[in-house]
């Protein structure tokens, strides 16, 4: 078990001879401190498609992707709180919300 974890660690850190890192890209934080994610902007296509699963009550990442990259967002969350919250806001037209779980 330890050997397997150690190998995964070495692969993850790029120290394994079986794995070579061929591409480096910058990472930029999109969204707020609660619901944001790192993105490599130069690796994104012209109009990225975002599948946001379990949005809760925070679409700051999705809004940043729309604002900065004209993304098309598909948001999913079946919880009653999230559905009620989403019905009470005015999201961008490029966000489509589905009250189902994935």
Foldseek 3Di string as FASTA:
>chain_A
DVVVVVVVVCVVVQNDPVDHDDDDADWDWFFDPPDIDIDRVVPADQAAEEEAAACQQGCRRVVRCCVPRVYQYEYEAQDPNRVVNVVPDDDDPSYHYDNDHD
